[in-house]
Amino acid sequence: MKFKRVFLIVMDSFGIGEEPDAAAFGDEGANTIRSCAESRYFVCPHLASLGLFHIEGVEAGSRAYHEIPQKGACARLREMSAGKDTIIGHWELAGLVSTTPMPVFPYGFPQSFLDRYEAAVGRRCIVNRPYSGTRVLRDHGEEQLRSGALIVYTSADSVFQVAANKAVVPLDELYRDCEIARKMLTGDLAVGRVIARPFIGDLPENFTRTSERRDYALSPFAPTMLDLLREAGLDTIGVGKIGDIFNMQGLEESTHTTGNADGCRLTKSIQERTDWTGLCFTNLVDFDMLYGHRRDVDGYARAVADFDAWLPSFMADMREDDMLMITADHGCDPAFTKTTDHTREYVPLLLYGKHIGAENLGSVQGFSCVANTVCEALGVPSHFSSPGLLSGIVR
């Protein structure tokens, strides 16, 4: 059967247990779903019905969830790329395996680069070292507000982050400064993302990051499933930070969101449209940004419950030729205290549609099986490394 529309939803950072090479990343013992399941706020009967707790290796959650009959196909996916960040994870979901990790800067960016950057943007830069995004505001937000300097910081990921208070650096200027950084960060400095981090407040106690974050990513190094779908004349629609992650390569349209609820609302509105055929690719960022990195177990569990509560109406309104795919791009265990960074984990894949059978597909090598499955569903030839998964599960 050929599907007309695929909805691919990424629960950003919803890992399901350490991968075999987790120790090499310093992530031995990480398990995002297990940590969330220990919270009293973890409620997800609808994800359970899609097969989440039938996935190989998933032992978390109440026994009742494991006994809910499965009405979709499920699999456990192992990442093959040399990294555990958002860009690499999404690129692999879209078909590209990154054999070389993106550069990181555990001691900050070279002063020679900062000197050139300050001259280009016309503002001084402060901090320039790895930092928690909320802690850097607490420690340096007052100086930024007083001086107008840009807070530049990084993390264990391949990122160049620029934070500024909207009271002294207008949002358009902050975005412009990040666009300048993106153009300058090339060669050995070519980080995966430049991130604008606007904040508000006048004291360390009330400094708050706004929802106006914007990511400026590298373009994918080769064609992805998005490019193949566009070349085949199909629509490619991004929701959330998908447009940023792929630098709009292969996307017909993409809309930023303010968080999970807004992302779900927009995805539902796209479902209700009748003017498109192809792929709707959604990233739900709150799991990672608000709860994983902040090591907020209860907050993460509530976010899972909220997403789960949204699913029934979406599933009920799916057409005969619609397919829903739910997955993740890496882990970010909210109970993992060695770091506040992403964790190297397997991710789930749940497939649902009126013609998708209840099947457990076991463990699959490579997130790129998602790209081939999307292309297979929409009747577009593809060539990515991990095979598509529809054979034998479409009724």
Protein backbone atom coordinates (compact mmCIF):
# COMPACT_ATOMS: atom_id res chain seq x y z
CA MET A 1 0.00 0.00 0.00
CA LYS A 2 1.15 3.54 -0.77
CA PHE A 3 0.49 6.14 1.91
CA LYS A 4 -0.28 9.75 1.03
CA ARG A 5 0.81 11.44 4.27
CA VAL A 6 3.38 10.58 6.92
CA PHE A 7 3.55 12.34 10.28
CA LEU A 8 6.99 11.89 11.83
CA ILE A 9 7.14 13.16 15.42
CA VAL A 10 10.43 13.35 17.30
CA MET A 11 10.17 13.29 21.09
CA ASP A 12 13.44 15.16 21.42
CA SER A 13 15.77 13.16 23.73
CA PHE A 14 13.35 10.34 24.70
CA GLY A 15 15.93 7.56 24.96
CA ILE A 16 15.13 4.02 26.05
CA GLY A 17 18.40 2.77 27.51
CA GLU A 18 22.14 2.92 26.99
CA GLU A 19 23.63 1.80 23.70
CA PRO A 20 26.53 -0.70 23.69
CA ASP A 21 29.05 2.13 23.24
CA ALA A 22 27.55 4.37 25.94
CA ALA A 23 30.65 4.09 28.14
CA ALA A 24 32.76 5.69 25.40
CA PHE A 25 30.50 8.74 25.69
CA GLY A 26 30.56 8.74 29.50
CA ASP A 27 26.92 7.63 29.60
CA GLU A 28 27.03 4.15 31.07
CA GLY A 29 23.80 3.49 32.98
CA ALA A 30 21.72 6.19 31.29
CA ASN A 31 18.08 5.32 30.67
CA THR A 32 15.68 8.19 30.04
CA ILE A 33 12.46 6.17 30.00
CA ARG A 34 13.38 4.32 33.19
CA SER A 35 14.05 7.57 35.01
CA CYS A 36 10.76 9.07 33.85
CA ALA A 37 8.83 5.93 34.76
CA GLU A 38 9.91 6.32 38.38
CA SER A 39 7.97 9.57 38.62
CA ARG A 40 4.37 9.50 39.84
CA TYR A 41 3.52 11.83 36.94
CA PHE A 42 4.49 9.26 34.28
CA VAL A 43 1.22 8.31 32.58
CA CYS A 44 1.25 7.04 28.99
CA PRO A 45 -1.39 4.40 28.16
CA HIS A 46 -1.64 5.52 24.52
CA LEU A 47 2.10 5.26 23.87
CA ALA A 48 1.85 1.88 25.56
CA SER A 49 -0.91 0.84 23.15
CA LEU A 50 1.39 1.73 20.25
CA GLY A 51 3.94 -0.77 21.56
CA LEU A 52 6.35 1.38 23.62
CA PHE A 53 6.63 -1.23 26.37
CA HIS A 54 6.85 -4.13 23.93
CA ILE A 55 10.11 -2.76 22.53
CA GLU A 56 13.14 -4.96 23.10
CA GLY A 57 15.03 -3.94 26.24
CA VAL A 58 12.31 -1.67 27.66
CA GLU A 59 11.69 -2.94 31.18
CA ALA A 60 10.59 0.34 32.77
CA GLY A 61 7.03 1.26 33.64
CA SER A 62 4.23 -0.54 35.44
CA ARG A 63 3.36 -4.10 34.61
CA ALA A 64 -0.04 -2.89 33.37
CA TYR A 65 1.64 -0.97 30.54
CA HIS A 66 3.50 -4.08 29.40
CA GLU A 67 0.20 -5.97 29.25
CA ILE A 68 -1.70 -3.44 27.08
CA PRO A 69 -2.38 -5.05 23.69
CA GLN A 70 -0.23 -3.59 20.93
CA LYS A 71 -1.95 -1.93 17.95
CA GLY A 72 1.04 -0.69 16.02
CA ALA A 73 4.54 -1.73 15.00
CA CYS A 74 7.52 -0.98 17.23
CA ALA A 75 11.31 -1.21 17.13
CA ARG A 76 14.42 -0.22 19.04
CA LEU A 77 16.85 1.89 16.99
CA ARG A 78 20.60 2.11 17.53
CA GLU A 79 22.42 5.24 16.37
CA MET A 80 25.36 4.63 14.06
CA SER A 81 26.70 8.19 13.86
CA ALA A 82 29.68 9.40 15.88
CA GLY A 83 27.73 11.68 18.15
CA LYS A 84 24.71 12.14 20.39
CA ASP A 85 23.48 15.61 19.53
CA THR A 86 20.31 16.92 17.94
CA ILE A 87 21.78 17.69 14.53
CA ILE A 88 23.51 14.35 14.06
CA GLY A 89 20.47 12.47 15.41
CA HIS A 90 18.00 14.18 13.10
CA TRP A 91 20.31 13.92 10.10
CA GLU A 92 20.57 10.17 10.69
CA LEU A 93 16.78 9.90 11.01
CA ALA A 94 16.69 11.62 7.60
CA GLY A 95 19.20 9.15 6.14
CA LEU A 96 22.73 10.49 6.79
CA VAL A 97 25.24 8.70 9.01
CA SER A 98 27.89 11.11 10.35
CA THR A 99 31.16 9.21 10.69
CA THR A 100 33.05 12.19 12.10
CA PRO A 101 31.87 14.01 15.22
CA MET A 102 31.24 17.72 15.01
CA PRO A 103 33.84 19.89 16.78
CA VAL A 104 33.41 20.71 20.46
CA PHE A 105 35.16 23.35 22.54
CA PRO A 106 35.57 22.23 26.16
CA TYR A 107 37.90 25.18 26.84
CA GLY A 108 35.95 27.78 24.89
CA PHE A 109 36.47 29.19 21.42
CA PRO A 110 39.86 30.54 20.28
CA GLN A 111 40.41 34.15 21.30
CA SER A 112 41.47 34.99 17.76
CA PHE A 113 38.01 33.98 16.56
CA LEU A 114 36.28 35.96 19.32
CA ASP A 115 38.28 39.05 18.44
CA ARG A 116 37.06 38.82 14.85
CA TYR A 117 33.51 38.10 15.96
CA GLU A 118 33.41 41.08 18.33
CA ALA A 119 34.58 43.34 15.51
CA ALA A 120 31.91 41.93 13.20
CA VAL A 121 28.97 42.37 15.59
CA GLY A 122 30.18 45.53 17.32
CA ARG A 123 29.81 44.16 20.84
CA ARG A 124 32.14 42.65 23.42
CA CYS A 125 31.75 38.97 24.34
CA ILE A 126 31.94 37.52 27.85
CA VAL A 127 32.18 34.02 29.43
CA ASN A 128 33.34 31.84 26.46
CA ARG A 129 33.34 28.46 28.16
CA PRO A 130 30.99 25.49 28.67
CA TYR A 131 28.06 26.41 30.88
CA SER A 132 24.55 25.42 31.86
CA GLY A 133 22.15 27.71 30.02
CA THR A 134 20.26 28.70 33.15
CA ARG A 135 23.32 28.97 35.38
CA VAL A 136 25.15 31.25 32.96
CA LEU A 137 22.30 33.74 33.29
CA ARG A 138 22.41 33.55 37.05
CA ASP A 139 26.18 34.09 37.11
CA HIS A 140 26.62 36.58 34.25
CA GLY A 141 23.18 37.97 33.39
CA GLU A 142 23.67 41.13 35.45
CA GLU A 143 26.98 41.88 33.75
CA GLN A 144 25.35 41.38 30.37
CA LEU A 145 22.44 43.65 31.27
CA ARG A 146 24.78 46.33 32.58
CA SER A 147 27.41 46.22 29.84
CA GLY A 148 25.47 45.13 26.74
CA ALA A 149 28.12 42.49 26.03
CA LEU A 150 27.02 39.19 24.48
CA ILE A 151 27.19 36.06 26.63
CA VAL A 152 28.93 33.46 24.46
CA TYR A 153 29.07 29.91 25.80
CA THR A 154 29.10 26.30 24.69
CA SER A 155 28.41 22.82 26.13
CA ALA A 156 29.50 19.26 25.60
CA ASP A 157 27.63 19.49 22.29
CA SER A 158 28.88 21.16 19.14
CA VAL A 159 27.24 24.54 19.76
CA PHE A 160 28.02 28.26 19.85
CA GLN A 161 25.36 29.87 22.03
CA VAL A 162 24.72 33.59 22.30
CA ALA A 163 22.58 34.93 25.15
CA ALA A 164 21.42 38.51 25.57
CA ASN A 165 18.75 40.34 27.52
CA LYS A 166 16.05 41.71 25.24
CA ALA A 167 16.14 44.98 27.20
CA VAL A 168 19.62 45.77 25.85
CA VAL A 169 19.96 43.67 22.69
CA PRO A 170 16.82 43.68 20.52
CA LEU A 171 15.73 40.28 19.25
CA ASP A 172 16.42 41.14 15.60
CA GLU A 173 19.95 42.18 16.50
CA LEU A 174 20.58 38.96 18.44
CA TYR A 175 19.38 36.93 15.46
CA ARG A 176 21.62 38.96 13.15
CA ASP A 177 24.60 38.36 15.45
CA CYS A 178 23.93 34.62 15.33
CA GLU A 179 23.66 34.68 11.55
CA ILE A 180 27.07 36.39 11.48
CA ALA A 181 28.52 33.70 13.76
CA ARG A 182 27.10 30.97 11.54
CA LYS A 183 28.85 32.41 8.49
CA MET A 184 32.15 32.79 10.38
CA LEU A 185 32.23 29.35 12.04
CA THR A 186 33.73 27.27 9.25
CA GLY A 187 36.47 24.67 8.85
CA ASP A 188 37.73 23.45 12.23
CA LEU A 189 35.26 25.80 13.92
CA ALA A 190 32.19 24.49 12.05
CA VAL A 191 29.95 23.72 15.03
CA GLY A 192 26.68 21.93 14.42
CA ARG A 193 24.54 24.79 15.68
CA VAL A 194 24.67 28.46 16.55
CA ILE A 195 21.86 29.15 19.03
CA ALA A 196 20.25 32.48 19.89
CA ARG A 197 19.24 32.53 23.57
CA PRO A 198 17.20 35.66 24.39
CA PHE A 199 16.26 36.22 28.02
CA ILE A 200 14.33 38.70 30.15
CA GLY A 201 14.44 39.93 33.75
CA ASP A 202 16.46 42.38 35.80
CA LEU A 203 17.93 40.22 38.60
CA PRO A 204 19.55 36.77 38.82
CA GLU A 205 16.43 35.56 40.62
CA ASN A 206 14.14 36.36 37.70
CA PHE A 207 16.32 36.01 34.60
CA THR A 208 14.29 33.76 32.29
CA ARG A 209 15.02 32.43 28.82
CA THR A 210 12.20 33.19 26.40
CA SER A 211 10.61 30.86 23.84
CA GLU A 212 12.21 32.88 21.02
CA ARG A 213 15.28 30.66 20.79
CA ARG A 214 16.51 30.19 17.25
CA ASP A 215 18.98 27.62 15.91
CA TYR A 216 21.30 28.15 12.94
CA ALA A 217 22.58 24.79 11.74
CA LEU A 218 24.99 23.56 9.13
CA SER A 219 23.38 22.31 5.97
CA PRO A 220 23.35 18.51 5.64
CA PHE A 221 26.46 17.19 3.88
CA ALA A 222 24.43 15.12 1.38
CA PRO A 223 20.82 14.78 0.19
CA THR A 224 18.38 13.57 2.87
CA MET A 225 14.94 12.02 2.60
CA LEU A 226 13.60 15.59 2.50
CA ASP A 227 15.48 16.24 -0.72
CA LEU A 228 14.25 12.99 -2.27
CA LEU A 229 10.63 13.74 -1.36
CA ARG A 230 10.84 17.26 -2.77
CA GLU A 231 12.41 15.99 -5.99
CA ALA A 232 9.49 13.56 -6.28
CA GLY A 233 7.05 16.46 -6.10
CA LEU A 234 5.84 15.76 -2.55
CA ASP A 235 5.34 18.28 0.22
CA THR A 236 7.81 18.53 3.10
CA ILE A 237 6.56 20.43 6.14
CA GLY A 238 8.62 21.12 9.25
CA VAL A 239 7.24 21.89 12.71
CA GLY A 240 9.38 23.25 15.54
CA LYS A 241 13.13 23.47 14.97
CA ILE A 242 13.16 21.12 11.95
CA GLY A 243 13.80 24.05 9.62
CA ASP A 244 16.77 25.12 11.73
CA ILE A 245 18.20 21.60 12.00
CA PHE A 246 18.24 21.12 8.23
CA ASN A 247 18.91 24.77 7.39
CA MET A 248 15.69 24.49 5.32
CA GLN A 249 17.40 22.09 2.89
CA GLY A 250 14.68 19.94 1.34
CA LEU A 251 11.86 21.68 3.22
CA GLU A 252 9.00 23.43 1.49
CA GLU A 253 7.85 25.14 4.67
CA SER A 254 8.74 25.10 8.37
CA THR A 255 7.22 26.89 11.35
CA HIS A 256 8.88 27.63 14.69
CA THR A 257 6.93 26.75 17.83
CA THR A 258 6.96 27.90 21.43
CA GLY A 259 7.14 24.38 22.87
CA ASN A 260 5.52 20.96 22.90
CA ALA A 261 1.93 22.15 23.22
CA ASP A 262 2.33 24.55 20.32
CA GLY A 263 4.06 21.86 18.27
CA CYS A 264 1.21 19.42 18.87
CA ARG A 265 -1.37 22.10 18.07
CA LEU A 266 0.35 22.97 14.79
CA THR A 267 0.78 19.30 13.81
CA LYS A 268 -2.94 18.76 14.40
CA SER A 269 -3.78 21.78 12.23
CA ILE A 270 -1.60 20.36 9.44
CA GLN A 271 -3.44 17.05 9.79
CA GLU A 272 -6.70 18.92 9.19
CA ARG A 273 -5.43 20.51 5.98
CA THR A 274 -6.38 18.92 2.66
CA ASP A 275 -3.88 20.72 0.44
CA TRP A 276 -0.80 18.53 0.80
CA THR A 277 0.68 15.07 0.26
CA GLY A 278 4.03 14.01 1.70
CA LEU A 279 5.76 14.41 5.07
CA CYS A 280 5.04 16.46 8.18
CA PHE A 281 8.21 16.34 10.33
CA THR A 282 7.73 17.59 13.91
CA ASN A 283 10.25 18.16 16.69
CA LEU A 284 8.92 18.46 20.26
CA VAL A 285 11.77 20.24 22.03
CA ASP A 286 10.53 20.61 25.62
CA PHE A 287 11.48 17.07 26.63
CA ASP A 288 15.12 17.93 26.02
CA MET A 289 15.39 21.67 26.55
CA LEU A 290 13.15 22.17 29.59
CA TYR A 291 13.44 18.87 31.42
CA GLY A 292 16.27 16.62 30.21
CA HIS A 293 19.12 19.13 30.42
CA ARG A 294 17.71 20.60 33.62
CA ARG A 295 17.55 17.11 35.13
CA ASP A 296 13.89 17.54 36.02
CA VAL A 297 12.48 14.02 36.28
CA ASP A 298 8.94 15.03 37.22
CA GLY A 299 8.82 17.73 34.55
CA TYR A 300 9.94 15.24 31.89
CA ALA A 301 7.36 12.71 33.08
CA ARG A 302 4.60 15.33 32.93
CA ALA A 303 5.66 16.25 29.38
CA VAL A 304 5.37 12.58 28.34
CA ALA A 305 1.91 12.42 29.95
CA ASP A 306 0.79 15.58 28.17
CA PHE A 307 1.94 14.26 24.79
CA ASP A 308 0.26 10.94 25.51
CA ALA A 309 -3.01 12.70 26.34
CA TRP A 310 -2.84 14.55 23.00
CA LEU A 311 -2.38 11.40 20.92
CA PRO A 312 -5.92 9.88 20.92
CA SER A 313 -7.62 12.71 19.03
CA PHE A 314 -4.80 12.81 16.49
CA MET A 315 -4.93 9.05 15.96
CA ALA A 316 -8.73 9.08 15.69
CA ASP A 317 -8.62 11.67 12.90
CA MET A 318 -6.00 9.87 10.80
CA ARG A 319 -7.10 9.00 7.28
CA GLU A 320 -6.93 5.59 5.66
CA ASP A 321 -3.71 6.56 3.87
CA ASP A 322 -2.00 8.36 6.80
CA MET A 323 0.90 6.92 8.80
CA LEU A 324 2.16 8.11 12.18
CA MET A 325 5.79 7.55 13.25
CA ILE A 326 7.05 8.49 16.72
CA THR A 327 10.75 8.35 17.57
CA ALA A 328 13.61 10.30 19.21
CA ASP A 329 17.03 11.65 18.25
CA HIS A 330 19.15 10.73 21.32
CA GLY A 331 18.70 10.46 25.09
CA CYS A 332 18.85 13.06 27.86
CA ASP A 333 18.30 11.11 31.05
CA PRO A 334 16.84 13.55 33.61
CA ALA A 335 18.22 11.48 36.50
CA PHE A 336 21.76 11.12 35.11
CA THR A 337 23.84 13.34 37.39
CA LYS A 338 27.35 12.91 35.98
CA THR A 339 26.58 15.62 33.41
CA THR A 340 23.64 17.71 32.22
CA ASP A 341 24.24 16.76 28.59
CA HIS A 342 22.65 14.32 26.15
CA THR A 343 23.04 10.61 26.80
CA ARG A 344 23.98 7.91 24.28
CA GLU A 345 20.85 5.74 24.14
CA TYR A 346 18.70 3.62 21.91
CA VAL A 347 15.52 5.36 20.77
CA PRO A 348 12.01 4.00 20.18
CA LEU A 349 10.20 3.80 16.89
CA LEU A 350 6.42 3.47 16.94
CA LEU A 351 4.45 3.13 13.69
CA TYR A 352 0.68 3.44 13.51
CA GLY A 353 -1.94 3.58 10.78
CA LYS A 354 -5.19 1.94 9.85
CA HIS A 355 -3.23 -0.54 7.71
CA ILE A 356 -0.22 -1.07 10.01
CA GLY A 357 -0.17 -4.41 11.81
CA ALA A 358 0.84 -5.04 15.42
CA GLU A 359 4.44 -6.20 15.01
CA ASN A 360 7.58 -6.12 17.13
CA LEU A 361 10.48 -5.47 14.77
CA GLY A 362 13.20 -6.01 17.38
CA SER A 363 16.40 -3.98 17.33
CA VAL A 364 17.44 -2.15 14.17
CA GLN A 365 20.92 -0.85 13.36
CA GLY A 366 20.71 2.76 12.27
CA PHE A 367 18.23 5.59 12.62
CA SER A 368 18.30 5.86 8.82
CA CYS A 369 15.70 3.08 8.68
CA VAL A 370 13.27 5.93 9.43
CA ALA A 371 14.24 7.72 6.20
CA ASN A 372 13.85 4.58 4.12
CA THR A 373 10.52 3.77 5.80
CA VAL A 374 9.17 7.27 5.08
CA CYS A 375 10.28 7.03 1.44
CA GLU A 376 8.90 3.50 1.13
CA ALA A 377 5.54 4.61 2.54
CA LEU A 378 5.31 7.48 0.05
CA GLY A 379 6.51 5.47 -2.94
CA VAL A 380 9.83 7.29 -3.40
CA PRO A 381 13.01 5.27 -4.17
CA SER A 382 15.74 5.73 -1.56
CA HIS A 383 19.23 4.45 -0.90
CA PHE A 384 19.99 4.98 2.78
CA SER A 385 22.00 2.48 4.79
CA SER A 386 19.33 0.90 7.04
CA PRO A 387 16.40 -0.82 5.31
CA GLY A 388 12.81 0.37 5.40
CA LEU A 389 10.49 -1.45 7.80
CA LEU A 390 7.12 -1.66 6.07
CA SER A 391 7.57 -5.06 4.47
CA GLY A 392 5.33 -7.51 6.27
CA ILE A 393 3.61 -5.01 8.57
CA VAL A 394 1.22 -3.33 6.12
CA ARG A 395 -2.13 -5.08 5.96
